[in-house]
Amino acid sequence: MKIEQIATSKAPQAVGPYSQGIKVEAGSLIFTSGQLPIIPETGELLKDDIKKETLQSLKNVEAILKESGATIEDIVKVNVYIRNMAEFPLINEVYEEFFGEHKPARSLVEVAKLPKDGNIEIEAIAVI
């Protein structure tokens, strides 16, 4: 599958470690449900450290993709829901380290409440 980052000066530049858009050749789509920072082995919901919470949510997304035969490199779109926009820079640090040079399109919005009173929830769309 070919993934191409879309970048144009005719739209605002990304304000974080993601692309303005992604173009993909036809393939199979995978949609993950939103992933809270729950440790699968224990069922514990991580709280009080947004960096650890972000990483766990991303690892949960990655585990779902692996089960379907995909990798994080196949992700074309990520939606991130957070309870506190002031944590945006900390989330970006973890997000950028996790994805490296791969920069899927992304939306990040602050919400009033998340399931289980979580602080972050992440979902992704991948193409294989």
C-alpha atoms as a PDB file:
ATOM      1  CA  MET A   1       0.000   0.000   0.000  1.00  0.00           C
ATOM      2  CA  LYS A   2       1.224   3.455  -0.835  1.00  0.00           C
ATOM      3  CA  ILE A   3       0.672   6.265   1.673  1.00  0.00           C
ATOM      4  CA  GLU A   4       1.463   9.805   0.616  1.00  0.00           C
ATOM      5  CA  GLN A   5       1.544  12.793   2.946  1.00  0.00           C
ATOM      6  CA  ILE A   6      -0.378  15.796   1.655  1.00  0.00           C
ATOM      7  CA  ALA A   7       1.206  19.178   2.303  1.00  0.00           C
ATOM      8  CA  THR A   8       0.080  22.475   0.831  1.00  0.00           C
ATOM      9  CA  SER A   9       0.765  26.102   1.629  1.00  0.00           C
ATOM     10  CA  LYS A  10      -2.852  26.827   0.655  1.00  0.00           C
ATOM     11  CA  ALA A  11      -4.098  25.411   3.986  1.00  0.00           C
ATOM     12  CA  PRO A  12      -2.802  25.992   7.526  1.00  0.00           C
ATOM     13  CA  GLN A  13       0.298  24.006   8.437  1.00  0.00           C
ATOM     14  CA  ALA A  14      -0.072  21.255  11.040  1.00  0.00           C
ATOM     15  CA  VAL A  15       0.322  22.557  14.600  1.00  0.00           C
ATOM     16  CA  GLY A  16       1.854  19.295  15.828  1.00  0.00           C
ATOM     17  CA  PRO A  17       3.439  16.008  14.747  1.00  0.00           C
ATOM     18  CA  TYR A  18       0.915  15.069  12.064  1.00  0.00           C
ATOM     19  CA  SER A  19       0.124  15.670   8.402  1.00  0.00           C
ATOM     20  CA  GLN A  20      -2.435  18.002   6.868  1.00  0.00           C
ATOM     21  CA  GLY A  21      -3.835  14.992   5.067  1.00  0.00           C
ATOM     22  CA  ILE A  22      -3.031  11.524   3.785  1.00  0.00           C
ATOM     23  CA  LYS A  23      -3.689  10.025   0.355  1.00  0.00           C
ATOM     24  CA  VAL A  24      -3.835   6.232   0.061  1.00  0.00           C
ATOM     25  CA  GLU A  25      -4.259   3.763  -2.749  1.00  0.00           C
ATOM     26  CA  ALA A  26      -7.275   1.467  -2.521  1.00  0.00           C
ATOM     27  CA  GLY A  27      -7.077  -1.213   0.143  1.00  0.00           C
ATOM     28  CA  SER A  28      -8.837  -2.629   3.187  1.00  0.00           C
ATOM     29  CA  LEU A  29      -9.869  -0.184   5.892  1.00  0.00           C
ATOM     30  CA  ILE A  30      -9.470  -0.815   9.610  1.00  0.00           C
ATOM     31  CA  PHE A  31     -11.256   1.385  12.145  1.00  0.00           C
ATOM     32  CA  THR A  32     -10.318   1.066  15.791  1.00  0.00           C
ATOM     33  CA  SER A  33     -12.718   2.028  18.522  1.00  0.00           C
ATOM     34  CA  GLY A  34     -11.565   4.688  20.928  1.00  0.00           C
ATOM     35  CA  GLN A  35      -8.913   3.353  23.268  1.00  0.00           C
ATOM     36  CA  LEU A  36      -8.660   4.546  26.826  1.00  0.00           C
ATOM     37  CA  PRO A  37      -5.349   4.157  28.697  1.00  0.00           C
ATOM     38  CA  ILE A  38      -6.355   0.805  30.163  1.00  0.00           C
ATOM     39  CA  ILE A  39      -3.653  -1.770  30.844  1.00  0.00           C
ATOM     40  CA  PRO A  40      -5.046  -4.932  29.166  1.00  0.00           C
ATOM     41  CA  GLU A  41      -3.417  -7.363  31.592  1.00  0.00           C
ATOM     42  CA  THR A  42      -4.911  -5.753  34.715  1.00  0.00           C
ATOM     43  CA  GLY A  43      -7.861  -3.684  33.496  1.00  0.00           C
ATOM     44  CA  GLU A  44      -6.384  -0.696  35.347  1.00  0.00           C
ATOM     45  CA  LEU A  45      -7.202   2.751  33.937  1.00  0.00           C
ATOM     46  CA  LEU A  46      -4.103   4.949  34.076  1.00  0.00           C
ATOM     47  CA  LYS A  47      -4.689   8.393  35.599  1.00  0.00           C
ATOM     48  CA  ASP A  48      -2.693  11.421  36.733  1.00  0.00           C
ATOM     49  CA  ASP A  49       0.135  11.198  34.144  1.00  0.00           C
ATOM     50  CA  ILE A  50      -1.017  12.243  30.678  1.00  0.00           C
ATOM     51  CA  LYS A  51       2.211  11.097  29.034  1.00  0.00           C
ATOM     52  CA  LYS A  52       1.815   7.535  30.351  1.00  0.00           C
ATOM     53  CA  GLU A  53      -1.896   7.651  29.529  1.00  0.00           C
ATOM     54  CA  THR A  54      -1.193   8.765  25.949  1.00  0.00           C
ATOM     55  CA  LEU A  55       1.372   6.022  25.408  1.00  0.00           C
ATOM     56  CA  GLN A  56      -0.935   3.326  26.772  1.00  0.00           C
ATOM     57  CA  SER A  57      -3.823   4.459  24.555  1.00  0.00           C
ATOM     58  CA  LEU A  58      -1.494   4.384  21.538  1.00  0.00           C
ATOM     59  CA  LYS A  59      -0.207   0.914  22.483  1.00  0.00           C
ATOM     60  CA  ASN A  60      -3.811  -0.286  22.718  1.00  0.00           C
ATOM     61  CA  VAL A  61      -4.519   1.037  19.209  1.00  0.00           C
ATOM     62  CA  GLU A  62      -1.336  -0.648  17.977  1.00  0.00           C
ATOM     63  CA  ALA A  63      -2.380  -3.995  19.501  1.00  0.00           C
ATOM     64  CA  ILE A  64      -5.709  -3.887  17.662  1.00  0.00           C
ATOM     65  CA  LEU A  65      -3.969  -3.100  14.383  1.00  0.00           C
ATOM     66  CA  LYS A  66      -1.452  -5.934  14.861  1.00  0.00           C
ATOM     67  CA  GLU A  67      -4.312  -8.367  15.401  1.00  0.00           C
ATOM     68  CA  SER A  68      -5.695  -7.353  12.002  1.00  0.00           C
ATOM     69  CA  GLY A  69      -2.328  -7.609  10.244  1.00  0.00           C
ATOM     70  CA  ALA A  70      -1.623  -3.868  10.209  1.00  0.00           C
ATOM     71  CA  THR A  71       1.050  -1.686  11.816  1.00  0.00           C
ATOM     72  CA  ILE A  72       1.148   1.914  12.961  1.00  0.00           C
ATOM     73  CA  GLU A  73       2.690   2.729   9.573  1.00  0.00           C
ATOM     74  CA  ASP A  74      -0.685   1.833   8.020  1.00  0.00           C
ATOM     75  CA  ILE A  75      -2.558   4.468  10.052  1.00  0.00           C
ATOM     76  CA  VAL A  76      -3.943   7.277   7.917  1.00  0.00           C
ATOM     77  CA  LYS A  77      -6.078   9.145  10.477  1.00  0.00           C
ATOM     78  CA  VAL A  78      -6.062   9.527  14.245  1.00  0.00           C
ATOM     79  CA  ASN A  79      -8.707  11.138  16.441  1.00  0.00           C
ATOM     80  CA  VAL A  80      -7.655  12.146  19.949  1.00  0.00           C
ATOM     81  CA  TYR A  81     -10.109  13.205  22.635  1.00  0.00           C
ATOM     82  CA  ILE A  82      -8.742  14.859  25.781  1.00  0.00           C
ATOM     83  CA  ARG A  83     -10.179  16.406  28.922  1.00  0.00           C
ATOM     84  CA  ASN A  84      -7.599  19.194  29.301  1.00  0.00           C
ATOM     85  CA  MET A  85      -6.214  21.143  26.337  1.00  0.00           C
ATOM     86  CA  ALA A  86      -3.401  22.458  28.554  1.00  0.00           C
ATOM     87  CA  GLU A  87      -1.879  18.951  28.234  1.00  0.00           C
ATOM     88  CA  PHE A  88      -1.639  19.296  24.428  1.00  0.00           C
ATOM     89  CA  PRO A  89       2.187  19.774  24.422  1.00  0.00           C
ATOM     90  CA  LEU A  90       2.755  16.707  26.643  1.00  0.00           C
ATOM     91  CA  ILE A  91       0.496  14.584  24.446  1.00  0.00           C
ATOM     92  CA  ASN A  92       2.362  15.788  21.342  1.00  0.00           C
ATOM     93  CA  GLU A  93       5.709  14.751  22.859  1.00  0.00           C
ATOM     94  CA  VAL A  94       4.561  11.163  23.312  1.00  0.00           C
ATOM     95  CA  TYR A  95       2.658  11.111  20.005  1.00  0.00           C
ATOM     96  CA  GLU A  96       5.671  12.329  18.030  1.00  0.00           C
ATOM     97  CA  GLU A  97       8.010   9.808  19.649  1.00  0.00           C
ATOM     98  CA  PHE A  98       5.524   6.972  19.056  1.00  0.00           C
ATOM     99  CA  PHE A  99       4.943   7.729  15.359  1.00  0.00           C
ATOM    100  CA  GLY A 100       8.416   9.006  14.431  1.00  0.00           C
ATOM    101  CA  GLU A 101       8.523  10.103  10.797  1.00  0.00           C
ATOM    102  CA  HIS A 102       5.081   8.656  10.061  1.00  0.00           C
ATOM    103  CA  LYS A 103       2.616  11.511  10.429  1.00  0.00           C
ATOM    104  CA  PRO A 104      -1.002  10.470   9.861  1.00  0.00           C
ATOM    105  CA  ALA A 105      -3.703  13.110   9.602  1.00  0.00           C
ATOM    106  CA  ARG A 106      -4.994  13.937  13.082  1.00  0.00           C
ATOM    107  CA  SER A 107      -7.733  15.725  14.976  1.00  0.00           C
ATOM    108  CA  LEU A 108      -7.407  16.495  18.678  1.00  0.00           C
ATOM    109  CA  VAL A 109     -10.313  17.955  20.617  1.00  0.00           C
ATOM    110  CA  GLU A 110     -11.094  18.734  24.229  1.00  0.00           C
ATOM    111  CA  VAL A 111     -14.225  17.070  25.544  1.00  0.00           C
ATOM    112  CA  ALA A 112     -16.193  17.452  28.777  1.00  0.00           C
ATOM    113  CA  LYS A 113     -16.142  13.795  29.770  1.00  0.00           C
ATOM    114  CA  LEU A 114     -14.807  10.429  28.608  1.00  0.00           C
ATOM    115  CA  PRO A 115     -15.816   6.867  29.511  1.00  0.00           C
ATOM    116  CA  LYS A 116     -14.607   5.651  32.928  1.00  0.00           C
ATOM    117  CA  ASP A 117     -13.728   9.300  33.670  1.00  0.00           C
ATOM    118  CA  GLY A 118     -10.575   8.911  31.549  1.00  0.00           C
ATOM    119  CA  ASN A 119      -8.376  11.826  30.486  1.00  0.00           C
ATOM    120  CA  ILE A 120      -7.644  10.674  26.930  1.00  0.00           C
ATOM    121  CA  GLU A 121      -9.125   8.410  24.278  1.00  0.00           C
ATOM    122  CA  ILE A 122      -7.515   7.645  20.912  1.00  0.00           C
ATOM    123  CA  GLU A 123      -8.968   5.987  17.799  1.00  0.00           C
ATOM    124  CA  ALA A 124      -7.399   5.354  14.413  1.00  0.00           C
ATOM    125  CA  ILE A 125      -8.167   4.465  10.816  1.00  0.00           C
ATOM    126  CA  ALA A 126      -5.653   2.316   8.932  1.00  0.00           C
ATOM    127  CA  VAL A 127      -5.491   1.068   5.348  1.00  0.00           C
ATOM    128  CA  ILE A 128      -3.860  -2.230   4.369  1.00  0.00           C
END
